[in-house]
Protein backbone atom coordinates (compact mmCIF):
# COMPACT_ATOMS: atom_id res chain seq x y z
CA MET A 1 0.05 0.08 -0.05
CA HIS A 2 1.61 3.18 -1.04
CA ALA A 3 1.05 6.56 0.52
CA LEU A 4 -0.68 8.05 -2.49
CA ASP A 5 -3.39 5.30 -2.38
CA SER A 6 -4.76 6.64 0.78
CA HIS A 7 -5.68 9.74 2.67
CA CYS A 8 -6.98 10.31 6.22
CA LEU A 9 -10.13 12.04 6.99
CA GLU A 10 -12.44 12.67 9.91
CA VAL A 11 -15.75 10.33 9.48
CA ASP A 12 -18.75 10.08 11.58
CA LEU A 13 -19.19 6.82 13.24
CA HIS A 14 -22.63 6.09 11.61
CA ARG A 15 -20.91 6.01 8.27
CA LEU A 16 -18.63 3.15 9.17
CA GLU A 17 -19.75 -0.36 8.13
CA LEU A 18 -18.52 -2.86 10.74
CA ARG A 19 -18.71 -5.76 8.31
CA TYR A 20 -15.79 -7.82 9.80
CA ALA A 21 -16.62 -7.14 13.62
CA SER A 22 -17.36 -10.88 13.80
CA ALA A 23 -13.79 -11.71 12.71
CA ARG A 24 -12.08 -9.60 15.55
CA LEU A 25 -11.50 -9.76 19.19
CA LEU A 26 -12.55 -6.83 21.17
CA GLU A 27 -11.11 -7.67 24.78
CA PRO A 28 -12.69 -5.44 27.08
CA ARG A 29 -9.67 -4.87 28.95
CA ALA A 30 -7.77 -3.74 25.88
CA VAL A 31 -10.68 -1.47 25.01
CA GLU A 32 -10.70 0.08 28.41
CA ARG A 33 -6.84 0.69 28.22
CA LEU A 34 -7.20 2.28 24.70
CA ALA A 35 -10.20 4.44 25.84
CA ARG A 36 -8.10 5.91 28.57
CA SER A 37 -5.34 6.64 25.99
CA ILE A 38 -7.54 8.36 23.79
CA GLN A 39 -9.08 10.42 26.57
CA SER A 40 -5.68 11.83 27.46
CA SER A 41 -3.71 11.80 24.14
CA GLY A 42 -6.38 11.64 21.49
CA GLN A 43 -6.50 9.04 18.73
CA LEU A 44 -3.03 8.54 17.74
CA MET A 45 -3.56 5.91 15.06
CA PRO A 46 -6.21 6.44 12.29
CA CYS A 47 -8.63 3.42 11.60
CA ILE A 48 -8.38 1.91 8.12
CA GLY A 49 -11.32 1.96 5.87
CA VAL A 50 -12.23 1.20 2.11
CA ALA A 51 -15.10 2.57 0.27
CA ALA A 52 -18.17 0.33 -0.03
CA ALA A 53 -19.64 -0.43 -3.32
CA GLU A 54 -22.74 1.43 -2.70
CA GLY A 55 -23.42 4.85 -1.03
CA GLU A 56 -20.91 6.94 0.99
CA ARG A 57 -20.21 4.46 3.82
CA LEU A 58 -16.70 3.02 4.44
CA VAL A 59 -16.06 -0.62 5.36
CA LEU A 60 -13.84 -0.69 8.50
CA ILE A 61 -10.74 -3.03 7.72
CA ASP A 62 -8.83 -2.25 10.86
CA GLY A 63 -9.54 -0.29 14.20
CA TYR A 64 -12.41 -2.11 15.83
CA ARG A 65 -11.07 -1.70 19.33
CA ARG A 66 -10.55 2.04 18.61
CA ILE A 67 -14.10 2.23 17.33
CA ALA A 68 -15.54 0.62 20.51
CA ALA A 69 -13.07 2.73 22.68
CA LEU A 70 -14.48 5.88 21.01
CA ARG A 71 -18.06 4.86 21.53
CA ARG A 72 -17.42 4.19 25.20
CA LEU A 73 -16.04 7.54 25.25
CA GLY A 74 -19.27 8.90 23.84
CA ARG A 75 -17.34 10.22 20.57
CA ASP A 76 -19.12 10.64 17.29
CA THR A 77 -16.24 10.83 14.69
CA ALA A 78 -12.95 9.00 14.38
CA TYR A 79 -9.90 9.73 12.10
CA VAL A 80 -9.89 7.01 9.43
CA GLU A 81 -7.32 6.42 6.82
CA ARG A 82 -9.27 5.63 3.45
CA TRP A 83 -7.68 3.26 1.03
CA THR A 84 -8.49 3.24 -2.65
CA CYS A 85 -8.37 -0.39 -3.46
CA ASP A 86 -10.71 -3.32 -3.10
CA LEU A 87 -11.63 -5.14 0.13
CA ALA A 88 -9.51 -8.30 -0.51
CA GLN A 89 -6.50 -6.20 -1.06
CA ALA A 90 -7.20 -4.28 2.03
CA LEU A 91 -7.57 -7.38 4.01
CA ILE A 92 -4.41 -8.88 2.71
CA THR A 93 -2.46 -5.77 3.54
CA VAL A 94 -3.73 -5.85 7.12
CA LEU A 95 -2.63 -9.26 7.56
CA CYS A 96 0.84 -8.52 5.98
CA ARG A 97 1.36 -5.52 8.38
CA THR A 98 0.97 -7.98 11.53
CA GLN A 99 4.35 -9.46 10.38
CA ALA A 100 6.27 -6.21 10.30
CA ARG A 101 9.31 -5.94 12.64
CA ALA A 102 8.79 -4.11 15.68
CA PHE A 103 11.17 -1.40 16.79
CA ALA A 104 13.95 -2.31 18.95
CA ALA A 105 14.20 -0.18 22.38
CA VAL A 106 17.59 1.30 20.89
CA GLU A 107 15.61 2.30 17.61
CA GLU A 108 12.94 3.92 19.67
CA ALA A 109 15.56 5.82 21.59
CA LEU A 110 17.34 7.08 18.77
CA LEU A 111 14.20 8.32 17.01
CA LEU A 112 13.24 9.91 20.31
CA ARG A 113 16.62 11.70 20.49
CA GLU A 114 16.21 12.68 16.81
CA LEU A 115 12.82 14.32 17.77
CA ILE A 116 14.22 16.12 20.73
CA ASP A 117 17.36 17.38 19.16
CA GLY A 118 16.18 17.77 15.49
CA TRP A 119 12.73 19.21 16.22
CA GLY A 120 12.87 20.64 19.63
CA LEU A 121 10.19 18.61 21.18
CA THR A 122 10.10 18.06 24.85
CA GLN A 123 9.91 14.83 26.73
CA ASN A 124 6.39 15.75 28.09
CA GLU A 125 5.14 16.54 24.50
CA LEU A 126 6.68 13.25 23.07
CA ALA A 127 5.02 11.11 25.78
CA ARG A 128 1.75 12.88 25.29
CA ARG A 129 1.81 12.55 21.34
CA CYS A 130 3.09 8.82 21.60
CA GLY A 131 0.53 7.97 24.05
CA ARG A 132 3.08 6.97 26.71
CA ASP A 133 4.51 7.99 30.07
CA VAL A 134 7.12 10.53 30.60
CA SER A 135 8.97 7.63 32.51
CA TRP A 136 8.89 5.70 29.42
CA VAL A 137 10.57 8.33 27.30
CA CYS A 138 13.22 8.72 29.97
CA ARG A 139 14.03 5.16 30.13
CA ARG A 140 14.56 5.06 26.56
CA LEU A 141 16.80 7.84 26.44
CA GLN A 142 18.71 6.38 29.33
CA LEU A 143 19.62 3.63 27.10
CA LEU A 144 21.74 5.96 25.01
CA SER A 145 23.59 7.42 27.98
CA GLY A 146 27.09 6.24 28.55
CA LEU A 147 27.19 4.56 24.88
CA PRO A 148 30.02 5.76 22.80
CA ASP A 149 29.35 6.55 19.01
CA SER A 150 31.31 3.57 18.01
CA VAL A 151 28.76 1.18 19.73
CA LEU A 152 25.71 2.74 18.34
CA CYS A 153 27.39 2.59 15.00
CA ALA A 154 28.03 -1.20 15.33
CA VAL A 155 24.32 -1.57 16.45
CA ARG A 156 23.13 0.25 13.49
CA GLU A 157 25.47 -1.88 11.03
CA GLY A 158 23.96 -4.98 12.67
CA ALA A 159 27.50 -5.98 14.20
CA LEU A 160 26.05 -5.67 17.54
CA SER A 161 22.54 -6.52 18.94
CA SER A 162 20.50 -3.99 20.91
CA TRP A 163 20.49 -6.28 23.94
CA VAL A 164 24.46 -6.82 23.88
CA ALA A 165 24.80 -3.00 23.48
CA THR A 166 22.55 -2.16 26.47
CA ARG A 167 23.34 -5.00 28.64
CA VAL A 168 27.07 -5.85 28.09
CA VAL A 169 28.97 -3.24 26.01
CA GLY A 170 27.03 -0.19 27.49
CA PRO A 171 27.77 -1.02 31.27
CA LEU A 172 31.38 -1.87 30.36
CA ALA A 173 31.77 1.28 28.52
CA ARG A 174 30.64 3.30 31.60
CA ALA A 175 32.97 1.22 33.83
CA ASN A 176 36.02 1.00 31.49
CA ALA A 177 35.65 2.75 28.02
CA GLU A 178 39.11 1.39 26.98
CA HIS A 179 38.01 -2.23 27.43
CA ALA A 180 34.59 -1.50 25.68
CA GLU A 181 36.39 -0.25 22.79
CA ARG A 182 38.84 -3.34 22.66
CA LEU A 183 36.03 -5.76 23.18
CA LEU A 184 34.10 -4.12 20.27
CA GLU A 185 37.26 -4.45 17.93
CA ARG A 186 37.48 -8.23 18.77
CA LEU A 187 33.57 -8.57 18.03
CA ARG A 188 33.90 -6.87 14.61
CA ALA A 189 36.70 -9.47 13.82
CA ALA A 190 34.88 -12.54 15.44
CA PRO A 191 31.45 -12.19 16.31
CA LEU A 192 29.82 -13.94 19.40
CA SER A 193 26.16 -14.60 20.06
CA SER A 194 24.29 -12.67 22.74
CA ARG A 195 24.27 -15.77 25.08
CA GLU A 196 28.19 -16.25 24.70
CA LEU A 197 28.68 -12.51 25.43
CA ASN A 198 26.42 -12.67 28.50
CA CYS A 199 28.39 -15.65 29.79
CA TRP A 200 31.51 -13.93 29.17
CA PHE A 201 30.51 -10.72 31.03
CA GLU A 202 29.31 -12.72 34.13
CA HIS A 203 32.89 -13.94 34.26
CA TYR A 204 34.37 -10.79 33.69
CA GLN A 205 32.55 -8.90 36.45
CA ARG A 206 33.96 -11.77 38.87
CA ALA A 207 37.39 -11.54 37.64
CA ASN A 208 40.37 -9.74 39.00
CA GLN A 209 42.14 -7.03 36.96
CA VAL A 210 44.74 -9.62 35.34
CA THR A 211 42.19 -12.01 34.23
CA ARG A 212 40.07 -9.29 33.03
CA GLU A 213 42.82 -8.02 30.66
CA ARG A 214 42.94 -11.51 29.17
CA LEU A 215 39.36 -11.98 28.85
CA ILE A 216 39.36 -8.61 26.95
CA THR A 217 42.43 -9.69 24.88
CA HIS A 218 41.01 -13.24 23.86
CA PRO A 219 37.23 -13.50 24.54
CA ARG A 220 36.61 -16.18 22.11
CA LEU A 221 39.47 -18.38 23.30
CA PHE A 222 38.14 -17.96 26.81
CA LEU A 223 34.62 -19.35 25.65
CA GLU A 224 36.27 -22.24 24.00
CA ALA A 225 38.04 -23.21 27.16
CA LEU A 226 34.96 -23.03 29.27
CA HIS A 227 33.01 -25.14 26.86
CA ALA A 228 35.83 -27.86 26.66
CA ASN A 229 35.90 -27.67 30.44
CA ASP A 230 32.04 -28.19 30.60
CA GLU A 231 32.42 -31.07 28.02
CA ARG A 232 35.04 -32.61 30.25
CA ARG A 233 32.86 -32.62 33.37
CA ALA A 234 30.11 -33.95 31.40
CA LEU A 235 32.11 -36.86 30.39
CA GLU A 236 33.15 -37.52 33.67
CA ARG A 237 29.41 -37.33 35.06
CA LEU A 238 28.68 -39.92 32.33
CA ARG A 239 31.73 -42.24 33.16
CA ALA A 240 31.14 -42.11 36.91
CA GLY A 241 27.35 -42.86 36.48
CA PRO A 242 24.52 -42.56 39.16
CA GLU A 243 27.03 -43.79 41.88
CA GLY A 244 29.52 -40.97 40.98
CA GLU A 245 26.91 -38.50 41.08
CA CYS A 246 25.58 -39.78 44.55
CA ALA A 247 29.37 -39.58 45.93
CA ALA A 248 29.44 -35.84 44.42
CA ASP A 249 26.19 -35.06 46.28
CA VAL A 250 27.27 -36.46 49.48
CA ARG A 251 30.63 -34.42 49.42
CA SER A 252 28.50 -31.18 48.50
CA ILE A 253 26.25 -31.86 51.59
CA GLU A 254 29.17 -32.29 53.79
CA VAL A 255 30.57 -28.97 52.58
CA LEU A 256 27.30 -27.06 53.20
CA MET A 257 26.84 -28.80 56.62
CA VAL A 258 30.48 -27.64 57.85
CA ARG A 259 29.84 -24.17 56.63
CA LEU A 260 26.36 -23.94 57.99
CA ARG A 261 27.75 -25.32 61.57
CA LYS A 262 30.37 -22.57 61.36
CA ARG A 263 27.86 -19.88 60.90
CA LEU A 264 25.15 -20.54 63.16
CA PRO A 265 26.97 -20.06 66.33
CA THR A 266 27.65 -16.42 65.13
CA LEU A 267 23.96 -15.58 65.13
CA CYS A 268 21.91 -14.26 67.88
CA GLU A 269 19.06 -16.71 68.65
CA GLN A 270 16.77 -14.20 69.93
CA SER A 271 17.06 -12.08 66.59
CA MET A 272 16.93 -14.86 63.94
CA PRO A 273 14.46 -14.09 61.32
CA GLU A 274 11.27 -16.31 61.17
CA ALA A 275 12.18 -17.50 57.54
CA LEU A 276 15.50 -18.82 58.77
CA LEU A 277 13.72 -20.61 61.79
CA ILE A 278 11.30 -22.34 59.67
CA ALA A 279 14.03 -23.27 57.05
CA LEU A 280 16.02 -24.95 60.01
CA ALA A 281 12.96 -26.70 61.31
CA HIS A 282 12.35 -28.11 57.82
CA LEU A 283 15.94 -29.16 57.64
CA ARG A 284 15.92 -30.79 60.90
CA ALA A 285 12.80 -32.81 59.99
CA THR A 286 14.48 -33.80 56.68
CA LEU A 287 17.71 -35.07 58.28
CA GLU A 288 15.69 -36.83 60.92
CA ALA A 289 13.88 -38.87 58.23
CA PHE A 290 16.86 -39.39 55.99
CA LEU A 291 19.31 -40.58 58.91
CA ASN A 292 16.95 -43.61 59.44
CA GLU A 293 17.41 -44.57 55.82
CA LEU A 294 21.05 -43.66 56.02
CA LYS A 295 21.89 -46.23 58.78
CA ARG A 296 21.69 -49.20 56.38
CA TYR A 297 24.18 -47.54 54.12
CA GLY A 298 26.49 -46.63 56.90
CA GLU A 299 27.13 -50.09 57.75
CA HIS A 300 29.20 -50.55 54.59
CA ASP A 301 31.46 -47.70 55.09
CA PRO A 302 35.02 -49.00 54.90
CA ARG A 303 36.38 -46.21 57.25
CA GLY A 304 33.97 -47.29 59.98
CA ASP A 305 32.33 -43.88 60.59
CA PRO A 306 28.99 -43.38 59.22
CA HIS A 307 29.23 -39.59 59.99
CA ARG A 308 32.88 -38.99 58.65
CA GLY A 309 33.63 -35.35 58.65
CA ALA A 310 30.13 -33.94 59.57
CA HIS A 311 31.22 -32.90 62.84
CA ALA A 312 34.81 -32.96 62.83
CA PRO A 313 36.16 -29.82 64.65
CA GLY A 314 38.84 -29.41 62.10
CA ALA A 315 36.75 -30.32 58.97
CA ARG A 316 37.41 -28.16 56.28
CA PRO A 317 35.01 -27.81 53.21
CA HIS A 318 36.39 -30.15 50.34
CA THR A 319 37.09 -28.22 47.20
CA ALA A 320 34.51 -29.00 44.62
CA ARG A 321 35.67 -31.51 41.86
CA ASP A 322 36.34 -30.16 38.33
CA GLN A 323 35.18 -26.82 39.19
CA SER A 324 37.90 -24.54 37.47
CA ALA A 325 38.07 -20.93 38.26
CA ALA A 326 37.66 -18.35 35.70
CA GLN A 327 41.19 -17.21 36.38
CA ALA A 328 42.52 -20.65 35.57
CA LEU A 329 40.74 -20.73 32.09
CA ALA A 330 41.54 -17.38 31.18
């Protein structure tokens, strides 16, 4: 549908023929929200109509909720975009429009900034004319704060997704602009997926300065090493079978019990939160039920101690097997 094939006009509601009302979902809540928007900001989007074969009536193609909202408000007229085509082509065009790509958040932010800088519109005026809250305009504009022009350029070129720009590169640029620029150079040469970059950024935030330098210099190499380490642990779990998994669970429980026994004496019993007391009561009931089942397995302990390490004064948490630190991988 070309712009020359249509024009917008104000039409009395009684001139609209709601021929396809039975094919549309009104959804009362959506109509109520739309009525509030129209009452505060006016009708922002025109309805779509096509001239009927007889008379001056227009067949309503799109905008049934808007008409219902206008009638709820007691309005007599509606803005309608009149298309000069047959009904079949109009319906097909409306169906094709539903497949249109929605604006990304960064795209909305860039358009808002253009309207503010280029056309002198205020945030309040933009919110009113877009049918949004001022807070929505502020949040969109905040997406651009701290983003270097190189990052925005990468987003426009498709080298960087909007999500990565706002969730990874943007925060990194505000904390360390030099690292952000170097990461962007690496991504231009060897792109990474959003999931990979999210994983990389989680390890970057926990790493020390030396490791961060390595992560910036070789981001893909780190992710490959991390993936290889995960595969190795998966193979070892497969090789160990359920018996090995049970042994690993036992060691994990021992570590947690030792840590819990060290922390509990440091708390004041009179000021313990109710949630902690409930959790301890559930833990006690679970342990008591489990100990009855555990007795028959303890008889086969080659060391002869069914409670080995659980209450030893000098017991230390065992290092979790095959849990390589990010520093070692980097």
